[in-house]
């Protein structure tokens, strides 16, 4: 099973998103974080299963939130390169 590695900017995106949702509704940030962690578990168990995307990446959509996890897979690790909002700045992450 590959290890998950978060790109530093992806980690910041998660933190900012959790904070934003938590400011809107108490507990919603935690719900986002729980869904994100569930997505990481699914990616770890089956990194080839999810949608091939662009620039050699894969994309996994969150169910309750308008976000997708963009990742690259290697033999020993999966690198999450972005936690992308689906309605803002497409492909901003491609230089990561």
N, C-alpha and C. Protein backbone atom coordinates (compact mmCIF):
# COMPACT_ATOMS: atom_id res chain seq x y z
N UNK A 1 0.85 -1.18 0.00
CA UNK A 1 0.00 0.00 0.00
C UNK A 1 0.90 1.25 0.00
N UNK A 2 0.67 2.18 -0.93
CA UNK A 2 1.52 3.38 -0.98
C UNK A 2 1.25 4.34 0.17
N UNK A 3 2.26 5.13 0.48
CA UNK A 3 2.10 6.19 1.48
C UNK A 3 1.50 7.41 0.82
N UNK A 4 0.77 8.20 1.59
CA UNK A 4 0.23 9.47 1.11
C UNK A 4 1.18 10.59 1.53
N UNK A 5 1.47 11.46 0.58
CA UNK A 5 2.28 12.65 0.85
C UNK A 5 1.50 13.86 0.35
N UNK A 6 1.31 14.85 1.20
CA UNK A 6 0.62 16.07 0.80
C UNK A 6 1.64 17.11 0.37
N UNK A 7 1.45 17.65 -0.81
CA UNK A 7 2.26 18.79 -1.25
C UNK A 7 2.01 19.90 -0.23
N UNK A 8 3.03 20.68 0.14
CA UNK A 8 2.82 21.73 1.15
C UNK A 8 1.67 22.68 0.82
N UNK A 9 1.50 23.01 -0.45
CA UNK A 9 0.40 23.91 -0.82
C UNK A 9 -0.95 23.22 -0.70
N UNK A 10 -0.99 21.92 -0.93
CA UNK A 10 -2.24 21.17 -0.75
C UNK A 10 -2.62 21.13 0.72
N UNK A 11 -1.62 20.98 1.59
CA UNK A 11 -1.89 20.99 3.04
C UNK A 11 -2.46 22.34 3.47
N UNK A 12 -1.94 23.42 2.91
CA UNK A 12 -2.46 24.76 3.21
C UNK A 12 -3.90 24.88 2.72
N UNK A 13 -4.18 24.34 1.54
CA UNK A 13 -5.55 24.40 1.01
C UNK A 13 -6.52 23.69 1.94
N UNK A 14 -6.11 22.55 2.47
CA UNK A 14 -6.99 21.83 3.41
C UNK A 14 -7.23 22.67 4.65
N UNK A 15 -6.17 23.22 5.23
CA UNK A 15 -6.32 24.04 6.44
C UNK A 15 -7.22 25.25 6.20
N UNK A 16 -7.01 25.94 5.09
CA UNK A 16 -7.83 27.12 4.78
C UNK A 16 -9.29 26.74 4.56
N UNK A 17 -9.52 25.63 3.90
CA UNK A 17 -10.90 25.19 3.63
C UNK A 17 -11.60 24.80 4.92
N UNK A 18 -10.91 24.07 5.78
CA UNK A 18 -11.48 23.69 7.08
C UNK A 18 -11.85 24.95 7.85
N UNK A 19 -10.95 25.92 7.90
CA UNK A 19 -11.22 27.18 8.62
C UNK A 19 -12.41 27.92 8.03
N UNK A 20 -12.46 27.99 6.70
CA UNK A 20 -13.55 28.72 6.04
C UNK A 20 -14.90 28.09 6.38
N UNK A 21 -15.01 26.76 6.25
CA UNK A 21 -16.27 26.09 6.56
C UNK A 21 -16.62 26.21 8.04
N UNK A 22 -15.62 26.16 8.89
CA UNK A 22 -15.86 26.25 10.33
C UNK A 22 -16.39 27.63 10.70
N UNK A 23 -15.91 28.68 10.01
CA UNK A 23 -16.42 30.04 10.25
C UNK A 23 -17.88 30.17 9.82
N UNK A 24 -18.26 29.45 8.77
CA UNK A 24 -19.64 29.54 8.26
C UNK A 24 -20.61 28.80 9.18
N UNK A 25 -20.27 27.57 9.54
CA UNK A 25 -21.13 26.75 10.39
C UNK A 25 -20.24 25.91 11.30
N UNK A 26 -20.43 26.08 12.59
CA UNK A 26 -19.61 25.32 13.54
C UNK A 26 -19.78 23.82 13.29
N UNK A 27 -18.67 23.13 13.15
CA UNK A 27 -18.67 21.69 12.91
C UNK A 27 -18.55 21.32 11.44
N UNK A 28 -18.84 22.25 10.54
CA UNK A 28 -18.78 21.94 9.11
C UNK A 28 -17.34 21.76 8.64
N UNK A 29 -16.43 22.51 9.23
CA UNK A 29 -15.01 22.33 8.89
C UNK A 29 -14.53 20.93 9.24
N UNK A 30 -14.96 20.43 10.39
CA UNK A 30 -14.60 19.08 10.80
C UNK A 30 -15.21 18.04 9.86
N UNK A 31 -16.42 18.30 9.38
CA UNK A 31 -17.05 17.38 8.43
C UNK A 31 -16.26 17.34 7.13
N UNK A 32 -15.80 18.52 6.67
CA UNK A 32 -14.96 18.56 5.47
C UNK A 32 -13.69 17.73 5.70
N UNK A 33 -13.04 17.95 6.83
CA UNK A 33 -11.80 17.23 7.15
C UNK A 33 -12.03 15.72 7.20
N UNK A 34 -13.13 15.29 7.80
CA UNK A 34 -13.45 13.86 7.86
C UNK A 34 -13.63 13.28 6.46
N UNK A 35 -14.34 14.01 5.59
CA UNK A 35 -14.53 13.50 4.23
C UNK A 35 -13.20 13.46 3.49
N UNK A 36 -12.38 14.48 3.67
CA UNK A 36 -11.06 14.50 3.04
C UNK A 36 -10.22 13.30 3.49
N UNK A 37 -10.22 13.01 4.77
CA UNK A 37 -9.46 11.87 5.29
C UNK A 37 -10.00 10.54 4.76
N UNK A 38 -11.31 10.43 4.60
CA UNK A 38 -11.89 9.22 4.00
C UNK A 38 -11.44 9.05 2.55
N UNK A 39 -11.38 10.16 1.83
CA UNK A 39 -10.90 10.13 0.44
C UNK A 39 -9.46 9.64 0.40
N UNK A 40 -8.62 10.14 1.30
CA UNK A 40 -7.22 9.71 1.33
C UNK A 40 -7.11 8.20 1.58
N UNK A 41 -7.96 7.66 2.45
CA UNK A 41 -7.94 6.21 2.70
C UNK A 41 -8.31 5.44 1.44
N UNK A 42 -9.32 5.91 0.73
CA UNK A 42 -9.74 5.23 -0.50
C UNK A 42 -8.65 5.29 -1.56
N UNK A 43 -8.01 6.45 -1.69
CA UNK A 43 -6.92 6.59 -2.66
C UNK A 43 -5.77 5.66 -2.29
N UNK A 44 -5.45 5.57 -1.01
CA UNK A 44 -4.36 4.70 -0.56
C UNK A 44 -4.63 3.25 -0.92
N UNK A 45 -5.86 2.80 -0.74
CA UNK A 45 -6.20 1.40 -1.00
C UNK A 45 -6.31 1.09 -2.49
N UNK A 46 -6.74 2.06 -3.30
CA UNK A 46 -6.96 1.81 -4.73
C UNK A 46 -6.55 3.04 -5.56
N UNK A 47 -5.27 3.37 -5.62
CA UNK A 47 -4.86 4.59 -6.33
C UNK A 47 -5.15 4.57 -7.83
N UNK A 48 -5.26 3.40 -8.43
CA UNK A 48 -5.52 3.31 -9.87
C UNK A 48 -7.00 3.36 -10.22
N UNK A 49 -7.86 3.27 -9.24
CA UNK A 49 -9.30 3.14 -9.49
C UNK A 49 -9.95 4.45 -9.93
N UNK A 50 -9.45 5.57 -9.47
CA UNK A 50 -10.13 6.85 -9.67
C UNK A 50 -9.81 7.44 -11.03
N UNK A 51 -10.51 8.50 -11.38
CA UNK A 51 -10.45 9.08 -12.71
C UNK A 51 -9.07 9.61 -13.08
N UNK A 52 -8.57 9.16 -14.24
CA UNK A 52 -7.36 9.79 -14.78
C UNK A 52 -7.77 11.18 -15.21
N UNK A 53 -6.89 12.13 -14.93
CA UNK A 53 -7.24 13.52 -15.20
C UNK A 53 -6.27 14.08 -16.22
N UNK A 54 -5.58 15.15 -15.90
CA UNK A 54 -4.67 15.81 -16.83
C UNK A 54 -3.28 15.88 -16.22
N UNK A 55 -2.29 16.06 -17.09
CA UNK A 55 -0.91 16.26 -16.65
C UNK A 55 -0.40 15.09 -15.81
N UNK A 56 -0.83 13.87 -16.13
CA UNK A 56 -0.37 12.69 -15.40
C UNK A 56 -0.95 12.54 -14.00
N UNK A 57 -2.12 13.10 -13.78
CA UNK A 57 -2.72 13.07 -12.45
C UNK A 57 -4.03 12.27 -12.46
N UNK A 58 -4.53 12.05 -11.26
CA UNK A 58 -5.84 11.45 -11.04
C UNK A 58 -6.67 12.43 -10.23
N UNK A 59 -7.99 12.26 -10.30
CA UNK A 59 -8.90 13.17 -9.60
C UNK A 59 -9.97 12.36 -8.87
N UNK A 60 -10.20 12.75 -7.62
CA UNK A 60 -11.23 12.11 -6.79
C UNK A 60 -12.13 13.22 -6.25
N UNK A 61 -13.41 13.14 -6.56
CA UNK A 61 -14.37 14.15 -6.12
C UNK A 61 -14.85 13.87 -4.70
N UNK A 62 -14.90 14.91 -3.87
CA UNK A 62 -15.55 14.79 -2.58
C UNK A 62 -17.06 14.78 -2.84
N UNK A 63 -17.81 14.09 -2.00
CA UNK A 63 -19.25 13.96 -2.23
C UNK A 63 -20.05 15.17 -1.74
N UNK A 64 -19.76 15.65 -0.56
CA UNK A 64 -20.58 16.71 0.04
C UNK A 64 -20.08 18.11 -0.24
N UNK A 65 -18.89 18.24 -0.74
CA UNK A 65 -18.27 19.55 -0.90
C UNK A 65 -17.77 19.71 -2.34
N UNK A 66 -17.76 20.94 -2.85
CA UNK A 66 -17.36 21.15 -4.25
C UNK A 66 -15.84 21.17 -4.42
N UNK A 67 -15.21 20.06 -4.08
CA UNK A 67 -13.76 19.93 -4.14
C UNK A 67 -13.37 18.61 -4.76
N UNK A 68 -12.17 18.59 -5.31
CA UNK A 68 -11.58 17.34 -5.81
C UNK A 68 -10.15 17.26 -5.30
N UNK A 69 -9.72 16.05 -5.02
CA UNK A 69 -8.34 15.80 -4.64
C UNK A 69 -7.60 15.40 -5.92
N UNK A 70 -6.55 16.15 -6.23
CA UNK A 70 -5.73 15.87 -7.41
C UNK A 70 -4.45 15.21 -6.92
N UNK A 71 -4.10 14.07 -7.50
CA UNK A 71 -2.91 13.36 -7.02
C UNK A 71 -2.16 12.68 -8.16
N UNK A 72 -0.88 12.43 -7.88
CA UNK A 72 -0.03 11.63 -8.75
C UNK A 72 0.33 10.36 -7.98
N UNK A 73 0.47 9.28 -8.70
CA UNK A 73 0.84 8.04 -8.02
C UNK A 73 2.20 7.57 -8.49
N UNK A 74 2.94 7.04 -7.53
CA UNK A 74 4.21 6.40 -7.82
C UNK A 74 4.16 4.98 -7.29
N UNK A 75 5.28 4.29 -7.33
CA UNK A 75 5.29 2.90 -6.85
C UNK A 75 5.15 2.81 -5.35
N UNK A 76 5.75 3.76 -4.63
CA UNK A 76 5.74 3.69 -3.16
C UNK A 76 4.97 4.80 -2.49
N UNK A 77 4.56 5.81 -3.26
CA UNK A 77 3.82 6.90 -2.63
C UNK A 77 2.81 7.50 -3.60
N UNK A 78 1.82 8.12 -3.01
CA UNK A 78 0.83 8.91 -3.73
C UNK A 78 1.00 10.33 -3.24
N UNK A 79 1.22 11.26 -4.17
CA UNK A 79 1.38 12.66 -3.77
C UNK A 79 0.12 13.43 -4.11
N UNK A 80 -0.52 13.97 -3.08
CA UNK A 80 -1.67 14.85 -3.27
C UNK A 80 -1.10 16.22 -3.60
N UNK A 81 -1.39 16.69 -4.82
CA UNK A 81 -0.81 17.97 -5.23
C UNK A 81 -1.78 19.13 -5.11
N UNK A 82 -3.07 18.84 -4.98
CA UNK A 82 -4.03 19.94 -4.80
C UNK A 82 -5.33 19.41 -4.20
N UNK A 83 -5.98 20.28 -3.44
CA UNK A 83 -7.34 20.06 -2.98
C UNK A 83 -8.10 21.22 -3.60
N UNK A 84 -8.63 20.96 -4.78
CA UNK A 84 -9.09 21.98 -5.70
C UNK A 84 -10.59 22.25 -5.57
N UNK A 85 -10.94 23.53 -5.42
CA UNK A 85 -12.35 23.92 -5.49
C UNK A 85 -12.78 23.77 -6.94
N UNK A 86 -13.93 23.19 -7.17
CA UNK A 86 -14.37 22.87 -8.52
C UNK A 86 -14.84 24.07 -9.33
N UNK A 87 -15.06 25.21 -8.69
CA UNK A 87 -15.60 26.36 -9.40
C UNK A 87 -14.65 27.55 -9.42
N UNK A 88 -13.38 27.31 -9.12
CA UNK A 88 -12.39 28.39 -9.11
C UNK A 88 -11.11 27.96 -9.80
N UNK A 89 -10.46 28.86 -10.46
CA UNK A 89 -9.12 28.74 -11.03
C UNK A 89 -8.73 27.32 -11.46
N UNK A 90 -9.27 26.83 -12.56
CA UNK A 90 -8.87 25.48 -12.98
C UNK A 90 -7.38 25.43 -13.35
N UNK A 91 -6.75 24.36 -13.03
CA UNK A 91 -5.36 24.06 -13.38
C UNK A 91 -4.33 24.98 -12.73
N UNK A 92 -4.69 25.71 -11.69
CA UNK A 92 -3.73 26.55 -10.98
C UNK A 92 -2.60 25.72 -10.39
N UNK A 93 -2.82 24.47 -10.18
CA UNK A 93 -1.90 23.57 -9.49
C UNK A 93 -0.92 22.87 -10.43
N UNK A 94 -1.05 23.04 -11.74
CA UNK A 94 -0.30 22.19 -12.67
C UNK A 94 1.21 22.34 -12.60
N UNK A 95 1.72 23.42 -12.01
CA UNK A 95 3.18 23.58 -11.89
C UNK A 95 3.74 22.93 -10.63
N UNK A 96 2.92 22.30 -9.85
CA UNK A 96 3.39 21.67 -8.60
C UNK A 96 4.08 20.36 -8.88
